[in-house]
């Protein structure tokens, strides 16, 4: 529609992943280089993550366009399937014939795939499995993916696997029960949104590829594109496409900042102010407050009261006498919180791994053996389980058990500190005999990484879903009954049926978990803490949900 108006050969901001339009930021170039390296070299897994719209799929397309002649690629775009379906899809992608008798058999499908991989290896070919949207892989399929890396000769793996997904993939692979798979990941790369300069270069690059010979977007328009898109390529594309259409409809050959804001308003369904408005409003409020403050100070009653209070404060300081009760009571009492930087500096010896796990185990009434087997293995032998995640204070409150927080100080050092209690304003840290720090201060040192112990129904922990049966399902049903305050002597079914799935969804909804009816690790931890007895340490006893 606007192509000839701007002298373009094609639409520059189509959201389809065309490799010709791939703009390689430094991180994108590094990610593509390592994916290409993964295709050419033997190894385990390569993991590529990024937020929605940051260019992951475009990189995959570019990767496929640069595939060496001796490489065969099996690309799975939607991995939300069962393990047999997953293996069958790999075979179909590689053109491997599968007899009907093998369709439902994992063993037969693995044998067929293994035989093909051995033939490909003998012919000097590399076989690569690329899984897009890998955060949707189920635990069952992830285990099958891990087992595929066992297909090997004496010298190298027969199958290279590249997992591409949203940041949830990192959280998924950080689960303790998937640590065997995580240990085989040889490269991890995360795509961040584009910077301000990269956003401007990205817009110009796509316009040049489409045939533009002039700068269609004014510098202030490019500033607005970055501010409103936050550097996410997919959002940049949508806003710029609408902005070009708006300029065309107004017969303007130059896109301005106001046109970009109008385009963003159409995309997001709300109005956006110019860059200078927040600054002007802030400056105006500051001037107004200054004027009001000065006028109030000049008023005699306030001025006299200020002098009187200052005189009392001075005499108290000099004579050591306490403030009058009436004045002392007028100031709200603030909870005392220790400076975190000072605590970390004074108690550095308490913030290493062994010290932290020693204290965490102690809160569970268990003995930690330093310099022995790894902490999570020790925990498993005591009927406990580890979970290592990146989360928030809200997630800690949901799990409601003490945790080791990884803190980063201003000089580049790291500290592992046990969080033993948490309320609305303060966190209690097991440092220096136990100290309270404000959540605001703690958040400046904590980026979200934590390790927590909890008591699962049985080990290993596995996700529970419809159709499953056994003692873990019975525990799930009994635990949900306790949370709802249901008391019955009737036998409890060990079958995960539709009714139990509805109860799981209701629990997930009440606790702000992903509502999918599957009792995964997060749901089980939240449920275990909700029914925890007096022998389980909690961050806040008020956060338990017995009978409700």
Protein backbone atom coordinates (compact mmCIF):
# COMPACT_ATOMS: atom_id res chain seq x y z
CA UNK A 1 0.00 0.00 0.00
CA UNK A 2 2.74 2.47 0.97
CA UNK A 3 5.64 0.72 -0.84
CA UNK A 4 5.90 2.93 -3.95
CA UNK A 5 5.27 6.06 -1.83
CA UNK A 6 8.49 5.39 0.15
CA UNK A 7 10.38 3.78 -2.78
CA UNK A 8 10.36 0.31 -1.20
CA UNK A 9 10.44 -3.04 -2.97
CA UNK A 10 8.66 -4.95 -0.17
CA UNK A 11 7.27 -4.43 3.33
CA UNK A 12 10.29 -3.87 5.60
CA UNK A 13 8.57 -4.70 8.88
CA UNK A 14 6.69 -7.91 8.18
CA UNK A 15 6.69 -10.08 11.31
CA UNK A 16 7.41 -13.31 9.41
CA UNK A 17 10.93 -14.61 10.23
CA UNK A 18 12.76 -13.82 6.95
CA UNK A 19 16.53 -14.52 7.33
CA UNK A 20 17.34 -11.71 4.85
CA UNK A 21 16.13 -9.22 7.43
CA UNK A 22 18.09 -10.70 10.33
CA UNK A 23 19.84 -7.89 12.16
CA UNK A 24 22.69 -9.30 14.21
CA UNK A 25 23.24 -7.47 17.45
CA UNK A 26 26.38 -8.56 19.27
CA UNK A 27 24.41 -11.12 21.29
CA UNK A 28 22.46 -12.36 18.23
CA UNK A 29 25.70 -12.83 16.28
CA UNK A 30 27.25 -14.75 19.16
CA UNK A 31 24.17 -16.96 19.49
CA UNK A 32 24.06 -17.75 15.76
CA UNK A 33 27.80 -18.50 15.72
CA UNK A 34 27.46 -20.97 18.56
CA UNK A 35 24.44 -22.65 16.99
CA UNK A 36 26.44 -23.12 13.80
CA UNK A 37 29.30 -24.46 15.90
CA UNK A 38 26.86 -26.88 17.52
CA UNK A 39 25.85 -28.22 14.12
CA UNK A 40 29.44 -28.82 13.07
CA UNK A 41 30.85 -30.21 16.31
CA UNK A 42 29.89 -33.15 18.51
CA UNK A 43 28.45 -32.28 21.90
CA UNK A 44 25.42 -32.41 24.15
CA UNK A 45 22.80 -29.66 24.19
CA UNK A 46 22.85 -26.02 23.18
CA UNK A 47 20.21 -23.84 24.86
CA UNK A 48 19.03 -20.54 23.38
CA UNK A 49 16.46 -18.45 25.27
CA UNK A 50 14.89 -15.03 24.90
CA UNK A 51 11.70 -13.14 25.61
CA UNK A 52 8.80 -13.30 23.15
CA UNK A 53 9.67 -11.37 20.01
CA UNK A 54 13.43 -11.05 20.55
CA UNK A 55 14.34 -12.87 17.33
CA UNK A 56 14.78 -16.53 18.31
CA UNK A 57 12.78 -17.96 15.40
CA UNK A 58 14.49 -15.64 12.92
CA UNK A 59 17.85 -16.94 14.14
CA UNK A 60 16.59 -20.50 13.62
CA UNK A 61 15.62 -19.67 10.05
CA UNK A 62 19.02 -18.09 9.44
CA UNK A 63 20.64 -21.17 10.95
CA UNK A 64 18.75 -23.44 8.55
CA UNK A 65 19.79 -21.22 5.64
CA UNK A 66 23.46 -21.70 6.57
CA UNK A 67 23.30 -25.43 7.27
CA UNK A 68 26.42 -27.29 6.01
CA UNK A 69 25.86 -29.84 3.25
CA UNK A 70 26.81 -32.73 5.52
CA UNK A 71 24.19 -31.81 8.17
CA UNK A 72 20.64 -33.11 8.39
CA UNK A 73 18.21 -31.00 10.44
CA UNK A 74 15.09 -32.22 12.22
CA UNK A 75 13.09 -29.09 13.15
CA UNK A 76 10.24 -29.37 15.65
CA UNK A 77 8.22 -26.15 15.93
CA UNK A 78 5.54 -27.32 18.37
CA UNK A 79 6.89 -29.83 20.90
CA UNK A 80 3.68 -30.06 22.97
CA UNK A 81 3.25 -33.79 22.39
CA UNK A 82 3.78 -37.19 23.99
CA UNK A 83 7.13 -38.98 23.94
CA UNK A 84 6.10 -41.44 21.14
CA UNK A 85 4.71 -38.55 19.07
CA UNK A 86 7.95 -36.63 19.64
CA UNK A 87 10.11 -39.52 18.39
CA UNK A 88 7.79 -40.12 15.45
CA UNK A 89 8.01 -36.44 14.47
CA UNK A 90 11.83 -36.63 14.50
CA UNK A 91 11.67 -39.65 12.20
CA UNK A 92 9.27 -37.85 9.86
CA UNK A 93 11.52 -34.75 9.76
CA UNK A 94 14.50 -36.94 8.82
CA UNK A 95 12.48 -38.91 6.25
CA UNK A 96 12.76 -42.20 8.14
CA UNK A 97 10.08 -44.75 7.32
CA UNK A 98 8.31 -46.12 10.39
CA UNK A 99 6.18 -49.30 10.19
CA UNK A 100 2.71 -49.19 11.72
CA UNK A 101 3.73 -51.79 14.30
CA UNK A 102 6.26 -49.34 15.82
CA UNK A 103 4.03 -46.28 16.06
CA UNK A 104 3.18 -46.61 19.76
CA UNK A 105 6.41 -48.20 20.98
CA UNK A 106 9.14 -46.01 22.45
CA UNK A 107 11.67 -48.85 22.21
CA UNK A 108 10.94 -49.54 18.54
CA UNK A 109 11.07 -45.86 17.63
CA UNK A 110 14.37 -45.36 19.47
CA UNK A 111 15.83 -48.45 17.78
CA UNK A 112 14.78 -47.18 14.34
CA UNK A 113 16.23 -43.73 15.05
CA UNK A 114 19.46 -45.20 16.46
CA UNK A 115 19.96 -47.35 13.38
CA UNK A 116 19.47 -44.32 11.12
CA UNK A 117 21.92 -42.22 13.15
CA UNK A 118 24.60 -44.91 12.92
CA UNK A 119 24.18 -45.02 9.13
CA UNK A 120 24.38 -41.24 8.91
CA UNK A 121 27.53 -41.22 11.05
CA UNK A 122 29.15 -43.84 8.84
CA UNK A 123 28.36 -41.66 5.81
CA UNK A 124 29.99 -38.64 7.47
CA UNK A 125 26.73 -36.83 8.14
CA UNK A 126 25.77 -34.82 11.22
CA UNK A 127 22.20 -35.08 12.47
CA UNK A 128 20.86 -32.13 14.45
CA UNK A 129 17.56 -31.87 16.30
CA UNK A 130 16.29 -28.27 16.71
CA UNK A 131 13.35 -27.85 19.08
CA UNK A 132 11.65 -24.44 19.00
CA UNK A 133 9.29 -23.32 21.81
CA UNK A 134 11.10 -25.87 24.00
CA UNK A 135 9.58 -24.40 27.18
CA UNK A 136 6.47 -26.41 26.22
CA UNK A 137 8.26 -29.76 26.51
CA UNK A 138 6.69 -32.02 29.13
CA UNK A 139 8.92 -33.71 31.76
CA UNK A 140 8.24 -37.05 30.03
CA UNK A 141 9.47 -35.75 26.67
CA UNK A 142 12.45 -33.96 28.28
CA UNK A 143 13.53 -37.27 29.78
CA UNK A 144 13.28 -38.83 26.34
CA UNK A 145 15.37 -35.96 24.93
CA UNK A 146 18.02 -36.71 27.55
CA UNK A 147 18.03 -40.38 26.64
CA UNK A 148 18.57 -39.51 22.98
CA UNK A 149 21.96 -38.05 23.90
CA UNK A 150 22.98 -41.56 25.02
CA UNK A 151 23.01 -42.56 21.35
CA UNK A 152 26.73 -42.40 20.67
CA UNK A 153 29.80 -44.12 19.31
CA UNK A 154 33.05 -44.52 21.22
CA UNK A 155 34.14 -41.06 20.12
CA UNK A 156 31.11 -38.81 19.70
CA UNK A 157 27.39 -38.28 20.12
CA UNK A 158 25.22 -39.27 17.19
CA UNK A 159 22.66 -36.51 17.72
CA UNK A 160 23.23 -32.83 18.45
CA UNK A 161 20.25 -31.18 20.17
CA UNK A 162 19.47 -27.45 20.15
CA UNK A 163 16.69 -26.26 22.50
CA UNK A 164 15.20 -22.84 21.79
CA UNK A 165 12.59 -21.25 24.00
CA UNK A 166 11.33 -18.46 26.22
CA UNK A 167 12.96 -17.69 29.62
CA UNK A 168 10.68 -20.31 31.19
CA UNK A 169 12.94 -22.90 29.54
CA UNK A 170 15.78 -21.85 31.87
CA UNK A 171 13.49 -22.30 34.87
CA UNK A 172 12.34 -25.67 33.55
CA UNK A 173 15.88 -26.99 33.10
CA UNK A 174 16.90 -25.62 36.52
CA UNK A 175 14.62 -28.10 38.26
CA UNK A 176 16.43 -30.57 40.46
CA UNK A 177 14.79 -33.58 38.80
CA UNK A 178 16.18 -32.45 35.44
CA UNK A 179 19.76 -31.86 36.61
CA UNK A 180 21.05 -34.83 34.58
CA UNK A 181 19.81 -33.14 31.44
CA UNK A 182 21.06 -29.70 32.52
CA UNK A 183 24.55 -31.11 33.11
CA UNK A 184 24.75 -32.02 29.41
CA UNK A 185 24.12 -28.48 28.19
CA UNK A 186 27.38 -27.28 26.67
CA UNK A 187 26.24 -23.77 25.75
CA UNK A 188 23.64 -21.38 27.15
CA UNK A 189 22.78 -18.15 25.33
CA UNK A 190 20.09 -15.61 26.19
CA UNK A 191 18.83 -12.97 23.75
CA UNK A 192 18.19 -9.61 25.38
CA UNK A 193 16.10 -6.85 23.75
CA UNK A 194 17.99 -4.38 21.56
CA UNK A 195 19.66 -1.32 23.03
CA UNK A 196 18.77 2.22 21.92
CA UNK A 197 21.52 2.31 19.28
CA UNK A 198 20.76 -1.23 18.13
CA UNK A 199 17.08 -0.37 17.76
CA UNK A 200 17.91 2.55 15.46
CA UNK A 201 20.33 0.39 13.46
CA UNK A 202 17.71 -2.39 13.28
CA UNK A 203 15.07 -0.05 11.78
CA UNK A 204 17.53 1.38 9.23
CA UNK A 205 18.77 -2.11 8.32
CA UNK A 206 15.32 -3.42 7.53
CA UNK A 207 14.48 -0.34 5.48
CA UNK A 208 17.68 -0.72 3.46
CA UNK A 209 16.96 -4.41 2.77
CA UNK A 210 13.49 -3.40 1.57
CA UNK A 211 15.01 -0.87 -0.86
CA UNK A 212 14.94 2.47 1.00
CA UNK A 213 17.55 4.99 -0.15
CA UNK A 214 16.91 7.68 2.51
CA UNK A 215 16.34 7.79 6.28
CA UNK A 216 12.57 7.45 6.47
CA UNK A 217 12.46 7.73 10.27
CA UNK A 218 13.58 10.97 11.91
CA UNK A 219 16.04 10.65 14.83
CA UNK A 220 13.34 11.62 17.36
CA UNK A 221 11.05 9.01 15.80
CA UNK A 222 13.71 6.35 16.36
CA UNK A 223 13.99 7.47 20.00
CA UNK A 224 10.23 7.03 20.33
CA UNK A 225 10.37 3.58 18.69
CA UNK A 226 12.90 2.41 21.27
CA UNK A 227 11.03 3.92 24.22
CA UNK A 228 7.69 2.41 23.22
CA UNK A 229 8.96 -1.01 22.08
CA UNK A 230 11.60 -1.47 24.81
CA UNK A 231 13.87 -2.87 22.09
CA UNK A 232 11.78 -5.99 21.35
CA UNK A 233 12.13 -6.63 17.58
CA UNK A 234 8.60 -7.96 17.03
CA UNK A 235 7.07 -4.91 18.71
CA UNK A 236 9.42 -2.64 16.75
CA UNK A 237 8.14 -4.21 13.52
CA UNK A 238 4.47 -3.69 14.37
CA UNK A 239 4.92 -0.08 15.49
CA UNK A 240 7.09 0.87 12.49
CA UNK A 241 4.70 -0.74 10.02
CA UNK A 242 1.77 1.24 11.46
CA UNK A 243 3.89 4.42 11.51
CA UNK A 244 4.72 4.06 7.79
CA UNK A 245 1.03 3.55 7.03
CA UNK A 246 0.16 6.65 9.09
CA UNK A 247 2.78 8.77 7.28
CA UNK A 248 1.49 7.57 3.91
CA UNK A 249 -2.10 8.42 4.80
CA UNK A 250 -0.98 11.98 5.72
CA UNK A 251 1.21 12.29 2.59
CA UNK A 252 4.41 12.64 4.62
CA UNK A 253 7.68 11.13 3.42
CA UNK A 254 9.29 11.40 6.86
CA UNK A 255 8.07 9.53 9.95
CA UNK A 256 8.02 11.77 13.04
CA UNK A 257 7.89 10.95 16.76
CA UNK A 258 4.20 11.92 16.91
CA UNK A 259 3.41 9.44 14.14
CA UNK A 260 5.26 6.72 16.07
CA UNK A 261 3.25 7.51 19.21
CA UNK A 262 0.01 7.38 17.22
CA UNK A 263 1.05 4.04 15.75
CA UNK A 264 1.88 2.68 19.22
CA UNK A 265 -1.51 3.91 20.47
CA UNK A 266 -3.18 1.78 17.79
CA UNK A 267 -1.04 -1.23 18.65
CA UNK A 268 -1.42 -1.07 22.43
CA UNK A 269 -4.87 0.50 22.61
CA UNK A 270 -3.84 3.47 24.77
CA UNK A 271 -2.35 6.94 24.29
CA UNK A 272 1.33 7.77 24.80
CA UNK A 273 2.74 11.12 25.86
CA UNK A 274 5.80 12.77 24.29
CA UNK A 275 9.18 12.11 25.95
CA UNK A 276 9.34 15.56 27.49
CA UNK A 277 5.95 15.46 29.26
CA UNK A 278 7.00 13.36 32.32
CA UNK A 279 10.02 15.63 32.81
CA UNK A 280 7.91 18.77 32.53
CA UNK A 281 5.29 17.44 34.95
CA UNK A 282 7.99 16.42 37.42
CA UNK A 283 9.67 19.81 37.20
CA UNK A 284 6.33 21.59 37.64
CA UNK A 285 5.44 19.53 40.72
CA UNK A 286 8.89 20.17 42.18
CA UNK A 287 8.51 23.94 41.69
CA UNK A 288 5.04 23.88 43.21
CA UNK A 289 6.20 21.91 46.25
CA UNK A 290 9.12 24.28 46.72
CA UNK A 291 6.79 27.28 46.68
CA UNK A 292 4.33 25.69 49.12
CA UNK A 293 7.13 24.61 51.46
CA UNK A 294 8.68 28.07 51.46
CA UNK A 295 5.30 29.73 52.13
CA UNK A 296 4.54 27.31 54.98
CA UNK A 297 7.94 27.89 56.54
CA UNK A 298 7.46 31.67 56.39
CA UNK A 299 4.09 31.39 58.16
CA UNK A 300 4.67 32.31 61.83
CA UNK A 301 2.86 29.40 63.59
CA UNK A 302 4.84 26.76 61.66
CA UNK A 303 8.08 28.66 62.05
CA UNK A 304 7.57 29.00 65.83
CA UNK A 305 6.77 25.29 66.18
CA UNK A 306 9.89 24.38 64.21
CA UNK A 307 12.06 26.50 66.49
CA UNK A 308 10.44 25.03 69.61
CA UNK A 309 10.95 21.45 68.51
CA UNK A 310 14.53 22.22 67.46
CA UNK A 311 15.20 23.72 70.92
CA UNK A 312 13.85 20.63 72.68
CA UNK A 313 15.90 18.36 70.42
CA UNK A 314 19.05 20.39 71.11
CA UNK A 315 18.55 20.32 74.88
CA UNK A 316 17.88 16.58 74.78
CA UNK A 317 21.05 15.96 72.82
CA UNK A 318 23.19 18.04 75.18
CA UNK A 319 21.67 16.97 78.50
CA UNK A 320 20.97 13.36 77.63
CA UNK A 321 17.33 13.62 78.80
CA UNK A 322 14.64 11.69 76.95
CA UNK A 323 12.13 13.45 74.70
CA UNK A 324 8.78 14.17 76.34
CA UNK A 325 6.40 11.22 75.93
CA UNK A 326 3.91 13.25 73.89
CA UNK A 327 6.56 14.26 71.35
CA UNK A 328 8.12 10.79 71.21
CA UNK A 329 4.73 9.21 70.57
CA UNK A 330 3.96 11.61 67.73
CA UNK A 331 6.72 10.11 65.55
CA UNK A 332 5.78 6.71 64.07
CA UNK A 333 8.03 3.89 65.23
CA UNK A 334 10.10 2.46 62.37
CA UNK A 335 11.21 -1.21 62.49
CA UNK A 336 14.93 -1.36 62.97
CA UNK A 337 16.79 -2.92 60.07
CA UNK A 338 20.51 -3.53 59.85
CA UNK A 339 22.52 -2.15 56.87
CA UNK A 340 23.02 -5.17 54.59
CA UNK A 341 26.40 -4.08 53.20
CA UNK A 342 27.73 -3.80 56.74
CA UNK A 343 26.37 -7.24 57.67
CA UNK A 344 27.92 -8.94 54.64
CA UNK A 345 31.25 -7.27 55.29
CA UNK A 346 31.36 -8.15 58.98
CA UNK A 347 30.23 -11.77 58.57
CA UNK A 348 31.89 -12.74 55.30
CA UNK A 349 32.88 -16.18 56.66
CA UNK A 350 29.18 -17.06 57.11
CA UNK A 351 28.17 -16.47 53.49
CA UNK A 352 29.87 -19.39 51.72
CA UNK A 353 28.04 -22.48 50.42
CA UNK A 354 28.80 -24.82 53.32
CA UNK A 355 27.86 -22.25 55.97
CA UNK A 356 24.59 -21.44 54.22
CA UNK A 357 23.56 -25.07 53.76
CA UNK A 358 24.60 -25.85 57.33
CA UNK A 359 22.15 -23.24 58.60
CA UNK A 360 19.41 -24.25 56.15
CA UNK A 361 19.68 -27.93 57.13
CA UNK A 362 19.65 -26.89 60.79
CA UNK A 363 16.29 -25.14 60.35
CA UNK A 364 14.91 -28.50 59.21
CA UNK A 365 16.45 -30.23 62.25
CA UNK A 366 19.01 -31.97 60.04
CA UNK A 367 22.80 -32.17 60.10
CA UNK A 368 24.72 -30.99 57.06
CA UNK A 369 28.08 -32.59 56.28
CA UNK A 370 30.39 -30.00 54.68
CA UNK A 371 32.88 -31.04 52.02
CA UNK A 372 30.95 -34.27 51.58
CA UNK A 373 28.41 -35.22 48.93
CA UNK A 374 26.55 -32.34 47.29
CA UNK A 375 23.86 -30.69 49.43
CA UNK A 376 20.90 -31.82 47.33
CA UNK A 377 22.03 -35.45 47.49
CA UNK A 378 22.34 -35.11 51.26
CA UNK A 379 18.87 -33.57 51.39
CA UNK A 380 17.40 -36.46 49.39
CA UNK A 381 18.83 -38.98 51.88
CA UNK A 382 16.90 -37.13 54.62
CA UNK A 383 13.58 -37.18 52.77
CA UNK A 384 13.95 -33.58 51.58
CA UNK A 385 14.24 -32.17 48.07
CA UNK A 386 16.10 -29.20 46.62
CA UNK A 387 14.67 -26.66 44.24
CA UNK A 388 16.86 -24.01 42.61
CA UNK A 389 15.03 -21.21 40.81
CA UNK A 390 15.05 -17.53 39.95
CA UNK A 391 11.95 -15.92 41.37
CA UNK A 392 10.58 -13.10 43.52
CA UNK A 393 9.54 -12.38 47.08
CA UNK A 394 6.04 -13.40 46.02
CA UNK A 395 7.30 -16.82 44.96
CA UNK A 396 9.19 -17.22 48.23
CA UNK A 397 5.99 -16.42 50.11
CA UNK A 398 4.11 -18.98 48.01
CA UNK A 399 6.63 -21.75 48.74
CA UNK A 400 6.86 -20.47 52.36
CA UNK A 401 10.04 -22.33 53.38
CA UNK A 402 13.46 -20.90 54.33
CA UNK A 403 15.77 -20.45 51.37
CA UNK A 404 19.36 -19.62 50.51
CA UNK A 405 19.48 -16.33 48.60
CA UNK A 406 22.38 -15.54 46.28
CA UNK A 407 23.31 -11.90 46.95
CA UNK A 408 25.57 -9.69 44.81
CA UNK A 409 27.46 -6.88 46.50
CA UNK A 410 28.66 -3.70 44.84
CA UNK A 411 32.24 -4.93 44.41
CA UNK A 412 31.38 -8.00 42.34
CA UNK A 413 31.35 -10.47 45.24
CA UNK A 414 28.60 -13.02 45.88
CA UNK A 415 27.17 -14.19 49.18
CA UNK A 416 24.88 -17.08 50.08
CA UNK A 417 22.61 -16.11 52.95
CA UNK A 418 19.71 -17.99 54.54
CA UNK A 419 16.34 -16.23 54.60
CA UNK A 420 14.45 -17.65 57.59
CA UNK A 421 11.46 -15.29 57.95
CA UNK A 422 9.62 -12.81 55.76
CA UNK A 423 6.92 -10.24 56.42
CA UNK A 424 5.55 -7.25 54.52
CA UNK A 425 8.55 -5.00 55.22
CA UNK A 426 11.43 -7.02 56.66
CA UNK A 427 13.40 -10.15 55.88
CA UNK A 428 15.17 -12.09 58.63
CA UNK A 429 18.59 -13.32 57.53
CA UNK A 430 20.65 -15.91 59.39
CA UNK A 431 23.77 -13.75 59.50
CA UNK A 432 25.57 -12.55 62.63
CA UNK A 433 23.22 -14.43 64.91
CA UNK A 434 20.14 -13.36 62.96
CA UNK A 435 19.45 -9.91 61.55
CA UNK A 436 16.46 -8.10 60.01
CA UNK A 437 16.91 -6.10 56.81
CA UNK A 438 14.35 -4.13 54.83
CA UNK A 439 12.96 -5.73 51.66
CA UNK A 440 13.84 -2.60 49.72
CA UNK A 441 17.51 -2.88 50.65
CA UNK A 442 17.58 -6.65 50.15
CA UNK A 443 16.14 -6.30 46.64
CA UNK A 444 19.17 -4.21 45.63
CA UNK A 445 21.43 -7.19 46.37
CA UNK A 446 19.16 -10.10 45.38
CA UNK A 447 18.48 -10.73 41.68
CA UNK A 448 16.06 -13.60 42.33
CA UNK A 449 18.29 -16.69 42.56
CA UNK A 450 17.49 -19.00 45.45
CA UNK A 451 17.77 -22.60 46.65
CA UNK A 452 15.07 -24.06 48.90
CA UNK A 453 14.48 -27.34 50.72
CA UNK A 454 11.02 -28.89 50.98
CA UNK A 455 9.53 -32.25 51.95
CA UNK A 456 7.99 -34.08 48.97
CA UNK A 457 5.53 -36.95 49.23
CA UNK A 458 8.06 -39.32 47.69
CA UNK A 459 11.25 -39.27 45.65
CA UNK A 460 11.92 -38.67 42.84
CA UNK A 461 9.40 -35.86 42.45
CA UNK A 462 7.42 -36.03 39.25
CA UNK A 463 4.57 -34.04 37.76
CA UNK A 464 1.15 -35.61 38.39
CA UNK A 465 -1.50 -35.39 35.67
CA UNK A 466 -4.75 -36.96 34.51
CA UNK A 467 -4.63 -40.71 33.99
CA UNK A 468 -1.82 -41.36 36.48
CA UNK A 469 -2.28 -43.46 39.60
CA UNK A 470 -0.30 -44.46 42.69
CA UNK A 471 0.66 -43.30 46.17
CA UNK A 472 1.71 -39.83 44.98
CA UNK A 473 -1.74 -39.28 43.48
CA UNK A 474 -3.33 -40.45 46.75
CA UNK A 475 -1.13 -37.96 48.65
CA UNK A 476 -2.23 -35.21 46.26
CA UNK A 477 -5.91 -35.97 46.82
CA UNK A 478 -5.52 -36.20 50.61
CA UNK A 479 -3.52 -32.96 50.75
CA UNK A 480 -6.12 -31.04 48.73
CA UNK A 481 -8.81 -32.39 51.08
CA UNK A 482 -6.85 -31.07 54.08
CA UNK A 483 -6.47 -27.66 52.47
CA UNK A 484 -10.24 -27.53 51.87
CA UNK A 485 -10.95 -28.70 55.42
CA UNK A 486 -12.53 -31.97 54.27
CA UNK A 487 -12.27 -34.76 56.87
CA UNK A 488 -13.38 -38.25 55.87
CA UNK A 489 -12.59 -41.82 56.90
CA UNK A 490 -13.56 -43.14 53.47
CA UNK A 491 -10.84 -44.77 51.33
CA UNK A 492 -8.97 -42.28 49.16
CA UNK A 493 -8.66 -43.02 45.45
CA UNK A 494 -5.16 -43.19 43.91
CA UNK A 495 -6.44 -42.36 40.38
CA UNK A 496 -5.91 -38.89 38.88
CA UNK A 497 -9.36 -38.30 37.42
CA UNK A 498 -11.20 -35.26 36.06
CA UNK A 499 -12.49 -34.33 39.53
CA UNK A 500 -8.97 -34.24 40.96
CA UNK A 501 -7.78 -32.15 38.00
CA UNK A 502 -10.52 -29.60 38.81
CA UNK A 503 -9.38 -29.51 42.45
CA UNK A 504 -5.79 -28.92 41.34
CA UNK A 505 -6.91 -26.06 39.09
CA UNK A 506 -8.82 -24.47 41.96
CA UNK A 507 -5.77 -24.69 44.25
CA UNK A 508 -3.57 -23.22 41.50
CA UNK A 509 -6.05 -20.39 40.94
CA UNK A 510 -6.15 -19.50 44.64
CA UNK A 511 -2.34 -19.52 44.89
CA UNK A 512 -1.68 -17.65 41.62
CA UNK A 513 0.03 -20.60 39.96
CA UNK A 514 -0.25 -21.56 36.29
CA UNK A 515 -3.76 -23.04 36.07
CA UNK A 516 -3.27 -26.21 34.02
CA UNK A 517 -4.64 -28.99 36.26
CA UNK A 518 -1.20 -30.62 36.41
CA UNK A 519 0.41 -30.92 39.84
CA UNK A 520 3.97 -30.05 38.88
CA UNK A 521 6.83 -29.32 41.26
CA UNK A 522 5.71 -25.73 41.99
CA UNK A 523 2.16 -26.82 42.77
CA UNK A 524 3.41 -29.65 45.00
CA UNK A 525 5.72 -27.32 46.95
CA UNK A 526 2.92 -24.81 47.53
CA UNK A 527 0.61 -27.64 48.61
CA UNK A 528 3.24 -29.18 50.93
CA UNK A 529 3.77 -25.84 52.67
CA UNK A 530 0.01 -25.27 52.96
CA UNK A 531 -0.38 -28.50 54.99
CA UNK A 532 3.03 -28.38 56.70
CA UNK A 533 3.18 -29.54 60.30
CA UNK A 534 5.09 -28.01 63.20
CA UNK A 535 8.29 -29.86 62.21
CA UNK A 536 8.58 -27.94 58.92
CA UNK A 537 10.15 -24.46 59.08
CA UNK A 538 8.04 -21.73 57.44
CA UNK A 539 8.88 -18.22 56.36
CA UNK A 540 5.58 -17.01 57.77
CA UNK A 541 3.17 -19.05 59.87
CA UNK A 542 0.43 -16.63 58.81
CA UNK A 543 0.83 -17.75 55.19
CA UNK A 544 -0.27 -21.34 55.82
CA UNK A 545 -3.68 -22.32 54.54
CA UNK A 546 -4.85 -25.17 56.68
CA UNK A 547 -8.46 -25.82 56.05
CA UNK A 548 -8.90 -22.97 53.58
